[in-house]
Amino acid sequence: MTLSHPTVTEEQARQLREIVIDVLELEPDELTETSHFVNDHDADSLLAIEILARIEQDLDVDIPQDQLPEMVNLAGVWAVVARNQRGGDQ
């Protein structure tokens, strides 16, 4: 897997992908780095909040809710998580 954001590890990318697949109830091959959660997968704001909560719980990352609009696809999730990791730029 080629990562768009180099500060997300392969393991974190795998975990984030699994979280999104689980919350959105997708088959693994349905989710791409750029597939849009709302337009392509019929997600709504409650599912977006659930993704955010699962990321915070499973990866121990605090993500301000004002960054939720950036999390529209897997690449956006990777970027937000990378930015909000302990020791990351904010």
Protein backbone atom coordinates (compact mmCIF):
# COMPACT_ATOMS: atom_id res chain seq x y z
CA MET A 1 0.00 0.00 0.00
CA THR A 2 1.39 3.39 -0.95
CA LEU A 3 0.60 6.05 1.61
CA SER A 4 -0.34 9.61 0.78
CA HIS A 5 0.95 10.87 4.08
CA PRO A 6 4.38 9.56 5.10
CA THR A 7 3.86 10.06 8.86
CA VAL A 8 1.14 7.39 9.03
CA THR A 9 2.71 3.97 9.47
CA GLU A 10 1.66 0.94 7.45
CA GLU A 11 0.14 -0.53 10.62
CA GLN A 12 -1.84 2.66 11.34
CA ALA A 13 -3.02 2.76 7.73
CA ARG A 14 -4.22 -0.84 8.04
CA GLN A 15 -6.01 -0.10 11.33
CA LEU A 16 -7.66 3.03 9.93
CA ARG A 17 -8.81 1.16 6.86
CA GLU A 18 -10.31 -1.60 9.04
CA ILE A 19 -12.12 0.96 11.20
CA VAL A 20 -13.67 2.67 8.18
CA ILE A 21 -14.66 -0.65 6.59
CA ASP A 22 -16.24 -1.80 9.85
CA VAL A 23 -18.15 1.41 10.59
CA LEU A 24 -19.38 1.88 7.02
CA GLU A 25 -20.11 -1.88 6.70
CA LEU A 26 -18.16 -2.20 3.45
CA GLU A 27 -16.45 -5.05 1.71
CA PRO A 28 -12.67 -4.46 1.74
CA ASP A 29 -12.48 -4.02 -2.03
CA GLU A 30 -15.15 -1.27 -1.95
CA LEU A 31 -12.92 1.18 -0.07
CA THR A 32 -10.17 3.00 -1.94
CA GLU A 33 -7.88 5.77 -0.77
CA THR A 34 -10.01 8.35 -2.56
CA SER A 35 -13.53 6.91 -2.48
CA HIS A 36 -15.78 9.51 -0.86
CA PHE A 37 -17.50 8.28 2.31
CA VAL A 38 -20.74 10.19 1.63
CA ASN A 39 -20.96 10.15 -2.17
CA ASP A 40 -19.62 6.64 -2.76
CA HIS A 41 -20.57 4.81 0.46
CA ASP A 42 -23.74 6.60 1.68
CA ALA A 43 -22.19 7.63 5.00
CA ASP A 44 -23.85 10.30 7.11
CA SER A 45 -22.67 12.61 9.88
CA LEU A 46 -23.36 10.04 12.60
CA LEU A 47 -21.15 7.48 10.87
CA ALA A 48 -18.45 10.13 10.47
CA ILE A 49 -18.56 10.80 14.21
CA GLU A 50 -18.42 7.06 14.88
CA ILE A 51 -15.31 6.77 12.68
CA LEU A 52 -13.71 9.64 14.60
CA ALA A 53 -14.58 8.07 17.97
CA ARG A 54 -13.23 4.66 16.96
CA ILE A 55 -9.98 6.22 15.73
CA GLU A 56 -9.55 8.10 18.99
CA GLN A 57 -10.26 4.97 21.03
CA ASP A 58 -8.34 2.40 18.99
CA LEU A 59 -5.30 4.52 18.06
CA ASP A 60 -5.21 6.81 21.12
CA VAL A 61 -5.29 9.96 18.97
CA ASP A 62 -7.19 13.11 19.95
CA ILE A 63 -8.84 14.66 16.91
CA PRO A 64 -10.64 18.01 17.22
CA GLN A 65 -14.16 17.78 15.80
CA ASP A 66 -13.50 20.82 13.61
CA GLN A 67 -11.23 18.53 11.52
CA LEU A 68 -14.06 16.10 10.82
CA PRO A 69 -14.94 17.79 7.48
CA GLU A 70 -11.46 16.83 6.20
CA MET A 71 -12.16 13.15 6.83
CA VAL A 72 -14.15 12.57 3.62
CA ASN A 73 -12.05 9.66 2.36
CA LEU A 74 -9.27 7.38 3.55
CA ALA A 75 -6.54 9.79 2.43
CA GLY A 76 -8.19 12.56 4.48
CA VAL A 77 -8.38 10.28 7.52
CA TRP A 78 -4.67 9.46 7.18
CA ALA A 79 -3.78 13.16 6.97
CA VAL A 80 -5.87 14.13 10.00
CA VAL A 81 -4.52 11.26 12.10
CA ALA A 82 -0.93 12.03 11.09
CA ARG A 83 -1.39 15.68 12.07
CA ASN A 84 -2.91 14.85 15.47
CA GLN A 85 -0.63 12.08 16.69
CA ARG A 86 1.38 12.77 19.79
CA GLY A 87 4.29 14.85 18.66
CA GLY A 88 2.64 15.70 15.34
CA ASP A 89 2.10 19.20 13.92
CA GLN A 90 -1.22 20.85 14.67
